[in-house]
Amino acid sequence: MKGKISLSTEFLGKKTKSPLVLPAGIMGMTWSGMRYVIENGCGIITSKSLTLESRSGHPGPVVAEFAGGLLNCMGLCNPGIIDGLAEINDFKKLMPEIPVIASVFATTAEDFAELSRYVNDSKSDFLELNLSCPNVMDEFGLPLAGSKEQVTDIVKLVKKVSKIPVIAKLSPNVTNLSEIAVTAEAAGADALCMINTLGPGMLVDIDLVKPVLSNRTGGVSGVCVKPIALRAVYESYSRVTIPIIGTGGIASGSDAVEMLMSGASLVGVGSAVYAGGIEVFNIINQGIAEYLKKHNYTNIGQIPRLEKLHEQA
């Protein structure tokens, strides 16, 4: 098979030049930063998770490295829904063809719905419901995605309000993630995003005899979580029909191919940006292209998927 290799794909009716997604919370919330990411090979931008009011997050230090990954307790710092959407609108004026996901966070279905009304009046293409942040448990308790009832209530109410497709971002810190995925789909979610960071986890400064992070604990991400992310995406892909944005531990082209084979439609790249710089998107794109060339494929739609799991008796 011969032909020009293309990494373009389609997600919920929007075309993208690459299957790579910048997840929420990785970079700052400015239109210029969004443009910089796209110019370096990313396909879709996700905003920080926006709240009704601005949040300063936790005091530093909020990020720590360890062998195999990162620990963070950013604390959902964001400029608030109004200012955050203003940056998205400015970016879309510059690059209207680039899909943008507006991510939002709240603690009640009613507040999620209110955030959705704001997003309706923006140029955002998709709405992500962050149901899974693990590093604000001190404030808000366990992630909302741990409860089928809460996931159902939130997604159903938001779907009544939202004028754009809704993505449910789920937590790996549950024992029944694929069941939560089925629940989100049944409630009306148009797509899923998984996984958010694991944890919370903790690191200790042995000289100061105290936790490294100011919040003591934080979410675990990086290459160490890839096997869990792949398993989570694969099990959910086996049970749902809606598309999945697969994130967690993606740092190379082969990692991205693994995620696509496991059932993801798009691939989130987060911690690798922190570790390898913004050029990591182009590096991963190149690795995907090399895989396609090696197997005489011309587009990512030809990457084979794993056989779906059969239902357990």
Protein backbone atom coordinates (compact mmCIF):
# COMPACT_ATOMS: atom_id res chain seq x y z
CA MET A 1 0.00 0.00 0.00
CA LYS A 2 1.39 3.36 -0.98
CA GLY A 3 0.26 6.90 -0.33
CA LYS A 4 0.89 9.93 1.78
CA ILE A 5 0.68 9.27 5.49
CA SER A 6 -1.95 11.30 7.32
CA LEU A 7 -2.43 11.66 11.07
CA SER A 8 -5.71 13.54 10.71
CA THR A 9 -8.84 12.12 12.25
CA GLU A 10 -12.37 13.09 13.23
CA PHE A 11 -13.83 13.34 16.71
CA LEU A 12 -17.53 13.97 17.32
CA GLY A 13 -17.88 15.68 13.96
CA LYS A 14 -14.74 17.85 14.19
CA LYS A 15 -11.63 17.26 12.13
CA THR A 16 -8.19 17.39 13.73
CA LYS A 17 -4.73 17.27 12.16
CA SER A 18 -3.40 14.90 14.84
CA PRO A 19 -4.95 12.44 17.32
CA LEU A 20 -3.01 14.12 20.15
CA VAL A 21 -4.85 16.12 22.81
CA LEU A 22 -3.51 18.52 25.43
CA PRO A 23 -5.38 17.49 28.61
CA ALA A 24 -6.71 19.91 31.19
CA GLY A 25 -4.31 21.51 33.62
CA ILE A 26 -1.01 20.92 31.83
CA MET A 27 -0.28 24.46 30.67
CA GLY A 28 -1.42 27.97 31.48
CA MET A 29 -4.73 29.37 30.36
CA THR A 30 -3.84 31.85 27.58
CA TRP A 31 -4.73 32.01 23.91
CA SER A 32 -1.03 32.39 23.02
CA GLY A 33 -0.16 29.22 24.94
CA MET A 34 -2.89 27.33 23.08
CA ARG A 35 -1.51 28.53 19.75
CA TYR A 36 2.00 27.46 20.76
CA VAL A 37 0.79 23.92 21.53
CA ILE A 38 -1.02 23.62 18.19
CA GLU A 39 1.98 24.95 16.27
CA ASN A 40 4.06 22.17 17.83
CA GLY A 41 1.91 19.27 16.70
CA CYS A 42 -1.06 18.99 19.06
CA GLY A 43 -4.48 18.37 17.51
CA ILE A 44 -7.00 19.42 20.17
CA ILE A 45 -6.69 21.78 23.14
CA THR A 46 -8.34 21.27 26.53
CA SER A 47 -8.65 24.26 28.85
CA LYS A 48 -7.83 24.13 32.51
CA SER A 49 -10.79 22.85 34.49
CA LEU A 50 -12.76 26.04 35.01
CA THR A 51 -14.86 26.78 38.08
CA LEU A 52 -17.59 29.36 38.66
CA GLU A 53 -15.12 31.51 40.61
CA SER A 54 -11.35 31.77 40.16
CA ARG A 55 -9.14 29.51 42.28
CA SER A 56 -5.54 30.09 43.30
CA GLY A 57 -5.00 26.40 44.02
CA HIS A 58 -2.65 25.04 46.64
CA PRO A 59 0.51 26.90 47.69
CA GLY A 60 3.85 25.59 46.42
CA PRO A 61 5.47 23.22 46.05
CA VAL A 62 2.73 21.59 43.97
CA VAL A 63 4.75 19.40 41.57
CA ALA A 64 7.42 16.81 42.37
CA GLU A 65 9.26 14.33 40.16
CA PHE A 66 10.12 10.76 41.03
CA ALA A 67 11.50 7.82 39.06
CA GLY A 68 8.80 7.06 36.51
CA GLY A 69 6.45 9.96 37.01
CA LEU A 70 5.14 13.09 38.64
CA LEU A 71 3.14 13.98 41.71
CA ASN A 72 1.00 17.13 41.64
CA CYS A 73 -1.45 18.94 43.89
CA MET A 74 -2.24 21.95 41.72
CA GLY A 75 -5.62 22.29 43.41
CA LEU A 76 -7.64 23.23 40.33
CA CYS A 77 -6.06 26.67 39.99
CA ASN A 78 -7.85 28.54 37.20
CA PRO A 79 -9.01 32.07 36.30
CA GLY A 80 -12.70 31.23 36.62
CA ILE A 81 -15.23 30.42 33.93
CA ILE A 82 -15.65 33.95 32.51
CA ASP A 83 -11.97 34.76 32.05
CA GLY A 84 -11.14 31.21 30.97
CA LEU A 85 -13.72 31.23 28.20
CA ALA A 86 -12.49 34.66 27.09
CA GLU A 87 -9.09 33.10 26.37
CA ILE A 88 -10.74 30.28 24.42
CA ASN A 89 -12.70 32.82 22.38
CA ASP A 90 -9.54 34.79 21.59
CA PHE A 91 -7.78 31.62 20.50
CA LYS A 92 -10.69 30.57 18.28
CA LYS A 93 -10.62 33.95 16.55
CA LEU A 94 -7.03 33.18 15.62
CA MET A 95 -7.41 29.46 14.82
CA PRO A 96 -11.14 28.78 14.30
CA GLU A 97 -10.49 25.39 12.71
CA ILE A 98 -8.80 23.94 15.82
CA PRO A 99 -11.18 22.08 18.17
CA VAL A 100 -11.17 23.24 21.80
CA ILE A 101 -12.53 21.37 24.81
CA ALA A 102 -13.75 23.56 27.67
CA SER A 103 -13.18 21.61 30.87
CA VAL A 104 -15.27 22.50 33.93
CA PHE A 105 -15.34 21.42 37.57
CA ALA A 106 -18.03 21.70 40.23
CA THR A 107 -19.34 19.69 43.14
CA THR A 108 -23.06 19.63 42.30
CA ALA A 109 -25.10 18.85 39.21
CA GLU A 110 -26.65 22.31 39.40
CA ASP A 111 -23.27 24.05 39.34
CA PHE A 112 -22.11 21.88 36.44
CA ALA A 113 -25.25 22.92 34.59
CA GLU A 114 -24.56 26.58 35.35
CA LEU A 115 -21.02 26.23 34.00
CA SER A 116 -22.47 24.59 30.90
CA ARG A 117 -24.64 27.64 30.25
CA TYR A 118 -21.53 29.83 30.22
CA VAL A 119 -19.80 27.42 27.82
CA ASN A 120 -22.82 27.53 25.51
CA ASP A 121 -22.12 31.22 24.93
CA SER A 122 -18.46 30.60 24.02
CA LYS A 123 -16.73 29.33 20.91
CA SER A 124 -15.81 26.03 22.59
CA ASP A 125 -16.40 22.90 20.53
CA PHE A 126 -16.77 20.38 23.36
CA LEU A 127 -17.58 20.42 27.08
CA GLU A 128 -15.58 18.23 29.45
CA LEU A 129 -17.00 17.44 32.88
CA ASN A 130 -14.10 16.90 35.28
CA LEU A 131 -15.60 14.30 37.59
CA SER A 132 -12.27 12.93 38.71
CA CYS A 133 -9.77 15.33 40.28
CA PRO A 134 -7.89 13.47 43.06
CA ASN A 135 -5.81 16.31 44.51
CA VAL A 136 -8.64 18.33 46.06
CA MET A 137 -10.02 15.55 48.22
CA ASP A 138 -9.17 17.60 51.29
CA GLU A 139 -11.74 20.15 50.12
CA PHE A 140 -14.32 18.18 48.17
CA GLY A 141 -13.99 14.55 49.22
CA LEU A 142 -13.83 11.55 46.90
CA PRO A 143 -14.05 12.14 43.12
CA LEU A 144 -17.59 12.41 41.80
CA ALA A 145 -16.82 9.70 39.25
CA GLY A 146 -16.76 7.15 42.07
CA SER A 147 -20.56 7.26 42.29
CA LYS A 148 -22.84 5.96 39.56
CA GLU A 149 -25.68 8.04 40.96
CA GLN A 150 -23.70 11.29 40.88
CA VAL A 151 -22.35 10.60 37.40
CA THR A 152 -25.89 9.93 36.18
CA ASP A 153 -27.35 13.04 37.80
CA ILE A 154 -24.60 15.36 36.56
CA VAL A 155 -24.41 14.08 33.00
CA LYS A 156 -28.20 13.97 32.57
CA LEU A 157 -28.68 17.52 33.81
CA VAL A 158 -25.80 18.91 31.77
CA LYS A 159 -27.05 17.19 28.63
CA LYS A 160 -30.35 19.04 29.04
CA VAL A 161 -28.45 22.33 29.06
CA SER A 162 -25.40 21.91 26.82
CA LYS A 163 -25.56 22.88 23.17
CA ILE A 164 -22.27 21.10 22.39
CA PRO A 165 -21.09 17.48 22.87
CA VAL A 166 -20.35 16.46 26.46
CA ILE A 167 -17.26 14.49 27.52
CA ALA A 168 -17.19 12.80 30.93
CA LYS A 169 -13.71 12.67 32.45
CA LEU A 170 -13.53 9.64 34.72
CA SER A 171 -11.31 8.61 37.61
CA PRO A 172 -9.10 5.49 37.76
CA ASN A 173 -9.40 5.51 41.55
CA VAL A 174 -12.44 3.24 41.58
CA THR A 175 -12.91 -0.51 41.47
CA ASN A 176 -15.50 -0.48 38.69
CA LEU A 177 -14.29 2.04 36.11
CA SER A 178 -15.83 0.31 33.10
CA GLU A 179 -19.19 0.25 34.90
CA ILE A 180 -18.88 4.00 35.53
CA ALA A 181 -18.10 4.40 31.81
CA VAL A 182 -21.27 2.51 30.91
CA THR A 183 -23.20 4.68 33.38
CA ALA A 184 -21.87 7.89 31.80
CA GLU A 185 -22.82 6.67 28.33
CA ALA A 186 -26.30 5.68 29.50
CA ALA A 187 -26.76 9.13 31.03
CA GLY A 188 -26.05 10.73 27.66
CA ALA A 189 -22.30 11.44 27.55
CA ASP A 190 -21.08 11.82 23.97
CA ALA A 191 -17.52 10.72 24.79
CA LEU A 192 -15.25 9.75 27.68
CA CYS A 193 -11.85 10.94 28.82
CA MET A 194 -9.75 8.58 30.93
CA ILE A 195 -7.75 8.33 33.02
CA ASN A 196 -7.14 11.25 35.33
CA THR A 197 -4.19 10.99 37.72
CA LEU A 198 -3.96 8.09 40.15
CA GLY A 199 -3.82 8.42 43.87
CA PRO A 200 -3.55 10.45 45.81
CA GLY A 201 0.07 9.55 46.49
CA MET A 202 2.82 11.03 48.63
CA LEU A 203 6.57 11.68 48.55
CA VAL A 204 8.74 12.43 51.60
CA ASP A 205 11.70 14.79 51.97
CA ILE A 206 13.98 12.73 54.21
CA ASP A 207 16.14 15.72 55.16
CA LEU A 208 13.27 17.98 56.18
CA VAL A 209 11.24 15.02 57.47
CA LYS A 210 8.05 16.24 55.81
CA PRO A 211 5.98 15.53 52.72
CA VAL A 212 7.43 17.06 49.56
CA LEU A 213 4.17 18.63 48.41
CA SER A 214 2.52 21.44 50.33
CA ASN A 215 -0.76 19.53 50.32
CA ARG A 216 1.04 16.38 51.49
CA THR A 217 -0.57 14.27 48.79
CA GLY A 218 -1.24 14.65 45.07
CA GLY A 219 -2.19 12.90 41.87
CA VAL A 220 0.26 10.43 40.32
CA SER A 221 0.97 10.70 36.58
CA GLY A 222 3.70 9.95 34.05
CA VAL A 223 5.02 6.85 32.33
CA CYS A 224 4.42 4.70 35.42
CA VAL A 225 0.64 4.88 34.97
CA LYS A 226 0.54 3.75 31.33
CA PRO A 227 -0.34 0.09 32.00
CA ILE A 228 -3.27 1.16 34.20
CA ALA A 229 -4.45 3.69 31.63
CA LEU A 230 -4.30 1.15 28.81
CA ARG A 231 -6.25 -1.39 30.85
CA ALA A 232 -8.87 1.19 31.83
CA VAL A 233 -9.38 2.37 28.26
CA TYR A 234 -9.48 -1.19 26.89
CA GLU A 235 -12.04 -2.43 29.42
CA SER A 236 -14.27 0.59 28.81
CA TYR A 237 -13.84 0.39 25.02
CA SER A 238 -15.09 -3.20 25.30
CA ARG A 239 -18.33 -2.02 26.91
CA VAL A 240 -19.24 1.37 25.42
CA THR A 241 -19.88 2.63 21.90
CA ILE A 242 -18.94 6.29 22.41
CA PRO A 243 -15.39 7.49 21.64
CA ILE A 244 -12.70 7.65 24.31
CA ILE A 245 -9.84 10.11 24.81
CA GLY A 246 -7.13 7.90 26.32
CA THR A 247 -4.60 9.57 28.60
CA GLY A 248 -1.96 8.39 31.02
CA GLY A 249 1.74 7.76 30.54
CA ILE A 250 1.96 8.60 26.84
CA ALA A 251 5.49 9.75 25.99
CA SER A 252 6.30 8.23 22.59
CA GLY A 253 4.78 7.26 19.28
CA SER A 254 4.62 3.61 20.31
CA ASP A 255 2.83 4.59 23.52
CA ALA A 256 0.24 6.45 21.46
CA VAL A 257 -0.22 3.47 19.14
CA GLU A 258 -0.75 1.21 22.16
CA MET A 259 -3.46 3.56 23.37
CA LEU A 260 -5.17 3.65 19.98
CA MET A 261 -4.99 -0.14 19.74
CA SER A 262 -6.58 -0.35 23.19
CA GLY A 263 -9.64 1.51 21.95
CA ALA A 264 -8.92 5.21 22.24
CA SER A 265 -10.04 7.55 19.46
CA LEU A 266 -7.71 10.32 20.62
CA VAL A 267 -4.63 10.30 22.84
CA GLY A 268 -3.92 12.76 25.64
CA VAL A 269 -0.33 13.84 26.28
CA GLY A 270 0.18 15.53 29.63
CA SER A 271 3.13 14.76 31.90
CA ALA A 272 5.36 14.19 28.88
CA VAL A 273 5.02 17.89 28.09
CA TYR A 274 6.39 18.71 31.53
CA ALA A 275 9.22 16.19 31.16
CA GLY A 276 10.17 16.65 27.52
CA GLY A 277 8.97 20.10 26.51
CA ILE A 278 6.38 21.23 24.02
CA GLU A 279 8.20 19.55 21.13
CA VAL A 280 7.07 16.18 22.49
CA PHE A 281 3.88 16.46 20.39
CA ASN A 282 5.87 16.51 17.15
CA ILE A 283 8.09 13.69 18.41
CA ILE A 284 5.06 11.51 19.19
CA ASN A 285 3.46 12.36 15.84
CA GLN A 286 6.65 11.31 14.10
CA GLY A 287 6.66 8.03 16.01
CA ILE A 288 3.05 7.31 15.00
CA ALA A 289 3.92 8.09 11.35
CA GLU A 290 6.89 5.73 11.50
CA TYR A 291 4.64 2.95 12.79
CA LEU A 292 2.17 3.57 9.95
CA LYS A 293 4.96 3.52 7.38
CA LYS A 294 6.43 0.32 8.82
CA HIS A 295 3.11 -1.47 8.41
CA ASN A 296 2.19 0.10 5.07
CA TYR A 297 -0.69 2.08 6.55
CA THR A 298 -1.57 5.58 5.38
CA ASN A 299 -3.82 6.79 8.24
CA ILE A 300 -4.48 6.09 11.90
CA GLY A 301 -7.86 4.57 11.12
CA GLN A 302 -5.98 1.56 9.82
CA ILE A 303 -4.29 0.87 13.16
CA PRO A 304 -5.84 -2.42 14.33
CA ARG A 305 -7.83 -2.51 17.57
CA LEU A 306 -7.56 -5.21 20.20
CA GLU A 307 -10.38 -7.72 20.23
CA LYS A 308 -12.98 -6.54 22.70
CA LEU A 309 -13.38 -8.33 26.00
CA HIS A 310 -16.33 -10.66 26.16
CA GLU A 311 -18.92 -10.02 28.84
CA GLN A 312 -18.26 -11.91 32.04
CA ALA A 313 -20.94 -14.36 33.06
